[in-house]
């Protein structure tokens, strides 16, 4: 049980970095640290309300983080629109060849623009799967929706993303 502060410390140690990375991908690194801290503050304050029979702790934390992102949704959409205009941040040394960089700029820009066209629910599902690595059950637990809702949102999002990116099935 995570009600004891010592037990919650283990939860923090095990999941903080993963949640911070997820938030960084969604809202940028400048905001991620604050939102990650707020995620764990909320989780700590609500730790007695956590029901392990509902699911695992990891999706619960992703759910809190995603709800906090909801408060920052306008910033997120503006960030994706900016990425669509400017491309990815400057090369961080991962790409040695200019051609890789140019391809990445085009792809990131198109993908970012396509993400702005999704509904908030569709975007949450796509990014929880892509960035959080959650399965349908994990996403359902994080968003507190049925797995069927996750499946339908993901299906609609994939269709929209394929159309926006010009990918044929």
C-alpha atoms as a PDB file:
ATOM      1  CA  UNK A   1       0.000   0.000   0.000  1.00  0.00           C
ATOM      2  CA  UNK A   2       1.281   3.471  -0.790  1.00  0.00           C
ATOM      3  CA  UNK A   3      -0.294   5.305   2.125  1.00  0.00           C
ATOM      4  CA  UNK A   4       2.909   5.248   4.160  1.00  0.00           C
ATOM      5  CA  UNK A   5       5.258   8.094   3.195  1.00  0.00           C
ATOM      6  CA  UNK A   6       8.192   5.653   2.932  1.00  0.00           C
ATOM      7  CA  UNK A   7       6.250   3.488   0.492  1.00  0.00           C
ATOM      8  CA  UNK A   8       5.355   6.530  -1.563  1.00  0.00           C
ATOM      9  CA  UNK A   9       9.019   7.497  -1.715  1.00  0.00           C
ATOM     10  CA  UNK A  10       9.652   4.213  -3.523  1.00  0.00           C
ATOM     11  CA  UNK A  11       6.857   5.071  -5.998  1.00  0.00           C
ATOM     12  CA  UNK A  12       8.467   8.456  -6.606  1.00  0.00           C
ATOM     13  CA  UNK A  13      11.909   6.934  -7.114  1.00  0.00           C
ATOM     14  CA  UNK A  14      10.572   4.299  -9.490  1.00  0.00           C
ATOM     15  CA  UNK A  15       8.408   6.526 -11.692  1.00  0.00           C
ATOM     16  CA  UNK A  16       9.448  10.182 -11.474  1.00  0.00           C
ATOM     17  CA  UNK A  17      11.892  10.178 -14.413  1.00  0.00           C
ATOM     18  CA  UNK A  18       9.461   8.344 -16.692  1.00  0.00           C
ATOM     19  CA  UNK A  19       6.613  10.734 -15.890  1.00  0.00           C
ATOM     20  CA  UNK A  20       8.908  13.765 -16.322  1.00  0.00           C
ATOM     21  CA  UNK A  21      10.020  12.495 -19.759  1.00  0.00           C
ATOM     22  CA  UNK A  22       6.407  11.952 -20.801  1.00  0.00           C
ATOM     23  CA  UNK A  23       5.501  15.455 -19.697  1.00  0.00           C
ATOM     24  CA  UNK A  24       8.560  16.890 -21.425  1.00  0.00           C
ATOM     25  CA  UNK A  25       7.488  15.364 -24.700  1.00  0.00           C
ATOM     26  CA  UNK A  26       3.981  16.713 -24.301  1.00  0.00           C
ATOM     27  CA  UNK A  27       4.571  20.239 -23.010  1.00  0.00           C
ATOM     28  CA  UNK A  28       8.308  20.894 -23.276  1.00  0.00           C
ATOM     29  CA  UNK A  29      11.138  20.476 -20.818  1.00  0.00           C
ATOM     30  CA  UNK A  30      10.685  23.941 -19.361  1.00  0.00           C
ATOM     31  CA  UNK A  31       7.257  22.976 -17.983  1.00  0.00           C
ATOM     32  CA  UNK A  32       7.833  19.253 -17.458  1.00  0.00           C
ATOM     33  CA  UNK A  33       9.784  19.552 -14.229  1.00  0.00           C
ATOM     34  CA  UNK A  34       7.037  21.635 -12.603  1.00  0.00           C
ATOM     35  CA  UNK A  35       4.248  19.378 -13.843  1.00  0.00           C
ATOM     36  CA  UNK A  36       6.100  16.240 -12.773  1.00  0.00           C
ATOM     37  CA  UNK A  37       6.537  17.672  -9.288  1.00  0.00           C
ATOM     38  CA  UNK A  38       2.869  18.649  -9.248  1.00  0.00           C
ATOM     39  CA  UNK A  39       1.892  15.156 -10.447  1.00  0.00           C
ATOM     40  CA  UNK A  40       3.636  13.542  -7.485  1.00  0.00           C
ATOM     41  CA  UNK A  41       2.353  16.153  -5.061  1.00  0.00           C
ATOM     42  CA  UNK A  42      -1.206  15.374  -6.147  1.00  0.00           C
ATOM     43  CA  UNK A  43      -0.500  11.633  -6.032  1.00  0.00           C
ATOM     44  CA  UNK A  44       0.937  11.956  -2.529  1.00  0.00           C
ATOM     45  CA  UNK A  45      -2.062  14.003  -1.368  1.00  0.00           C
ATOM     46  CA  UNK A  46      -4.466  11.461  -2.901  1.00  0.00           C
ATOM     47  CA  UNK A  47      -2.483   8.316  -2.064  1.00  0.00           C
ATOM     48  CA  UNK A  48      -5.138   7.041   0.341  1.00  0.00           C
ATOM     49  CA  UNK A  49      -7.732   7.245  -2.445  1.00  0.00           C
ATOM     50  CA  UNK A  50      -5.657   5.055  -4.771  1.00  0.00           C
ATOM     51  CA  UNK A  51      -7.430   1.737  -5.287  1.00  0.00           C
ATOM     52  CA  UNK A  52      -5.044  -1.000  -6.452  1.00  0.00           C
ATOM     53  CA  UNK A  53      -8.004  -3.089  -7.616  1.00  0.00           C
ATOM     54  CA  UNK A  54      -8.672  -0.379 -10.240  1.00  0.00           C
ATOM     55  CA  UNK A  55      -5.222  -0.778 -11.769  1.00  0.00           C
ATOM     56  CA  UNK A  56      -1.519  -0.324 -11.312  1.00  0.00           C
ATOM     57  CA  UNK A  57       0.189   2.770  -9.941  1.00  0.00           C
ATOM     58  CA  UNK A  58       1.929   3.643 -13.225  1.00  0.00           C
ATOM     59  CA  UNK A  59      -1.263   4.334 -15.248  1.00  0.00           C
ATOM     60  CA  UNK A  60      -2.670   6.221 -12.235  1.00  0.00           C
ATOM     61  CA  UNK A  61       0.355   8.535 -12.325  1.00  0.00           C
ATOM     62  CA  UNK A  62       0.021   8.943 -16.094  1.00  0.00           C
ATOM     63  CA  UNK A  63      -3.631   9.846 -15.546  1.00  0.00           C
ATOM     64  CA  UNK A  64      -2.730  12.572 -13.062  1.00  0.00           C
ATOM     65  CA  UNK A  65      -0.041  13.883 -15.412  1.00  0.00           C
ATOM     66  CA  UNK A  66      -2.425  13.849 -18.376  1.00  0.00           C
ATOM     67  CA  UNK A  67      -5.045  15.748 -16.370  1.00  0.00           C
ATOM     68  CA  UNK A  68      -2.428  18.381 -15.558  1.00  0.00           C
ATOM     69  CA  UNK A  69      -1.604  18.587 -19.252  1.00  0.00           C
ATOM     70  CA  UNK A  70      -5.278  19.321 -19.841  1.00  0.00           C
ATOM     71  CA  UNK A  71      -4.757  22.529 -17.915  1.00  0.00           C
ATOM     72  CA  UNK A  72      -1.891  23.350 -20.233  1.00  0.00           C
ATOM     73  CA  UNK A  73      -3.644  22.213 -23.428  1.00  0.00           C
ATOM     74  CA  UNK A  74      -3.495  25.581 -25.164  1.00  0.00           C
ATOM     75  CA  UNK A  75       0.248  25.731 -24.595  1.00  0.00           C
ATOM     76  CA  UNK A  76       0.609  22.210 -25.973  1.00  0.00           C
ATOM     77  CA  UNK A  77      -1.316  23.007 -29.162  1.00  0.00           C
ATOM     78  CA  UNK A  78       0.728  26.204 -29.639  1.00  0.00           C
ATOM     79  CA  UNK A  79       3.924  24.134 -29.215  1.00  0.00           C
ATOM     80  CA  UNK A  80       2.856  21.654 -31.896  1.00  0.00           C
ATOM     81  CA  UNK A  81       1.923  24.506 -34.232  1.00  0.00           C
ATOM     82  CA  UNK A  82       5.353  26.061 -33.661  1.00  0.00           C
ATOM     83  CA  UNK A  83       7.035  22.703 -34.327  1.00  0.00           C
ATOM     84  CA  UNK A  84       5.026  22.411 -37.514  1.00  0.00           C
ATOM     85  CA  UNK A  85       6.407  25.800 -38.626  1.00  0.00           C
ATOM     86  CA  UNK A  86       9.998  25.492 -37.407  1.00  0.00           C
ATOM     87  CA  UNK A  87      10.783  21.782 -37.231  1.00  0.00           C
ATOM     88  CA  UNK A  88      12.564  19.974 -34.392  1.00  0.00           C
ATOM     89  CA  UNK A  89      15.040  21.655 -32.027  1.00  0.00           C
ATOM     90  CA  UNK A  90      18.659  22.041 -33.167  1.00  0.00           C
ATOM     91  CA  UNK A  91      20.617  18.845 -33.744  1.00  0.00           C
ATOM     92  CA  UNK A  92      21.636  17.233 -30.469  1.00  0.00           C
ATOM     93  CA  UNK A  93      24.352  15.068 -31.995  1.00  0.00           C
ATOM     94  CA  UNK A  94      22.159  12.053 -32.727  1.00  0.00           C
ATOM     95  CA  UNK A  95      22.103  12.643 -36.479  1.00  0.00           C
ATOM     96  CA  UNK A  96      25.447  12.759 -38.213  1.00  0.00           C
ATOM     97  CA  UNK A  97      24.154  13.288 -41.689  1.00  0.00           C
ATOM     98  CA  UNK A  98      22.449  16.406 -43.000  1.00  0.00           C
ATOM     99  CA  UNK A  99      19.952  14.332 -44.977  1.00  0.00           C
ATOM    100  CA  UNK A 100      18.727  12.690 -41.759  1.00  0.00           C
ATOM    101  CA  UNK A 101      18.258  16.127 -40.227  1.00  0.00           C
ATOM    102  CA  UNK A 102      16.257  17.413 -43.162  1.00  0.00           C
ATOM    103  CA  UNK A 103      14.045  14.328 -43.205  1.00  0.00           C
ATOM    104  CA  UNK A 104      13.471  14.687 -39.459  1.00  0.00           C
ATOM    105  CA  UNK A 105      12.481  18.343 -39.837  1.00  0.00           C
ATOM    106  CA  UNK A 106       9.911  17.511 -42.480  1.00  0.00           C
ATOM    107  CA  UNK A 107       8.545  14.533 -40.563  1.00  0.00           C
ATOM    108  CA  UNK A 108       8.366  16.278 -37.174  1.00  0.00           C
ATOM    109  CA  UNK A 109       6.743  19.324 -38.687  1.00  0.00           C
ATOM    110  CA  UNK A 110       4.101  17.303 -40.489  1.00  0.00           C
ATOM    111  CA  UNK A 111       3.459  15.105 -37.465  1.00  0.00           C
ATOM    112  CA  UNK A 112       3.206  18.081 -35.107  1.00  0.00           C
ATOM    113  CA  UNK A 113       0.714  19.769 -37.425  1.00  0.00           C
ATOM    114  CA  UNK A 114      -1.286  16.541 -37.677  1.00  0.00           C
ATOM    115  CA  UNK A 115      -1.372  16.230 -33.869  1.00  0.00           C
ATOM    116  CA  UNK A 116      -3.009  19.671 -33.606  1.00  0.00           C
ATOM    117  CA  UNK A 117      -5.877  18.358 -35.736  1.00  0.00           C
ATOM    118  CA  UNK A 118      -6.747  15.577 -33.275  1.00  0.00           C
ATOM    119  CA  UNK A 119      -9.278  16.037 -30.506  1.00  0.00           C
ATOM    120  CA  UNK A 120      -7.852  16.317 -26.997  1.00  0.00           C
ATOM    121  CA  UNK A 121      -8.985  12.767 -26.186  1.00  0.00           C
ATOM    122  CA  UNK A 122      -7.454  11.338 -29.351  1.00  0.00           C
ATOM    123  CA  UNK A 123      -4.179  13.191 -28.754  1.00  0.00           C
ATOM    124  CA  UNK A 124      -4.025  11.964 -25.146  1.00  0.00           C
ATOM    125  CA  UNK A 125      -4.478   8.346 -26.240  1.00  0.00           C
ATOM    126  CA  UNK A 126      -1.890   8.566 -29.030  1.00  0.00           C
ATOM    127  CA  UNK A 127       0.711  10.216 -26.816  1.00  0.00           C
ATOM    128  CA  UNK A 128       0.124   7.932 -23.824  1.00  0.00           C
ATOM    129  CA  UNK A 129       0.779   4.985 -26.142  1.00  0.00           C
ATOM    130  CA  UNK A 130       3.681   6.613 -28.017  1.00  0.00           C
ATOM    131  CA  UNK A 131       5.434   8.461 -25.191  1.00  0.00           C
ATOM    132  CA  UNK A 132       4.239   6.545 -22.151  1.00  0.00           C
ATOM    133  CA  UNK A 133       4.384   3.104 -23.691  1.00  0.00           C
ATOM    134  CA  UNK A 134       1.038   2.209 -22.112  1.00  0.00           C
ATOM    135  CA  UNK A 135      -1.169  -0.528 -23.508  1.00  0.00           C
ATOM    136  CA  UNK A 136      -4.939  -0.138 -23.961  1.00  0.00           C
ATOM    137  CA  UNK A 137      -5.620  -1.176 -20.362  1.00  0.00           C
ATOM    138  CA  UNK A 138      -3.024   1.272 -19.058  1.00  0.00           C
ATOM    139  CA  UNK A 139      -4.393   4.148 -21.123  1.00  0.00           C
ATOM    140  CA  UNK A 140      -7.930   3.282 -20.031  1.00  0.00           C
ATOM    141  CA  UNK A 141      -6.834   3.350 -16.389  1.00  0.00           C
ATOM    142  CA  UNK A 142      -4.897   6.599 -16.859  1.00  0.00           C
ATOM    143  CA  UNK A 143      -7.827   8.392 -18.488  1.00  0.00           C
ATOM    144  CA  UNK A 144     -10.524   6.540 -16.534  1.00  0.00           C
ATOM    145  CA  UNK A 145     -12.343   5.464 -19.671  1.00  0.00           C
ATOM    146  CA  UNK A 146     -13.291   2.072 -21.064  1.00  0.00           C
ATOM    147  CA  UNK A 147     -10.756   0.118 -23.122  1.00  0.00           C
ATOM    148  CA  UNK A 148     -13.227   0.263 -26.002  1.00  0.00           C
ATOM    149  CA  UNK A 149     -13.081   4.063 -25.831  1.00  0.00           C
ATOM    150  CA  UNK A 150      -9.291   3.887 -25.991  1.00  0.00           C
ATOM    151  CA  UNK A 151      -9.475   1.582 -29.011  1.00  0.00           C
ATOM    152  CA  UNK A 152     -11.955   3.784 -30.876  1.00  0.00           C
ATOM    153  CA  UNK A 153     -10.031   7.001 -30.106  1.00  0.00           C
ATOM    154  CA  UNK A 154      -6.781   5.409 -31.226  1.00  0.00           C
ATOM    155  CA  UNK A 155      -8.392   4.074 -34.393  1.00  0.00           C
ATOM    156  CA  UNK A 156      -9.849   7.491 -35.266  1.00  0.00           C
ATOM    157  CA  UNK A 157      -6.539   9.186 -34.470  1.00  0.00           C
ATOM    158  CA  UNK A 158      -4.582   6.747 -36.649  1.00  0.00           C
ATOM    159  CA  UNK A 159      -6.966   7.347 -39.544  1.00  0.00           C
ATOM    160  CA  UNK A 160      -6.609  11.122 -39.179  1.00  0.00           C
ATOM    161  CA  UNK A 161      -2.827  10.932 -38.809  1.00  0.00           C
ATOM    162  CA  UNK A 162      -2.464   8.671 -41.857  1.00  0.00           C
ATOM    163  CA  UNK A 163      -4.580  11.065 -43.923  1.00  0.00           C
ATOM    164  CA  UNK A 164      -2.660  14.121 -42.702  1.00  0.00           C
ATOM    165  CA  UNK A 165       0.700  12.471 -43.345  1.00  0.00           C
ATOM    166  CA  UNK A 166      -0.323  10.963 -46.682  1.00  0.00           C
ATOM    167  CA  UNK A 167       0.325   7.407 -45.545  1.00  0.00           C
ATOM    168  CA  UNK A 168      -1.595   4.746 -47.440  1.00  0.00           C
ATOM    169  CA  UNK A 169      -2.861   1.655 -45.706  1.00  0.00           C
END
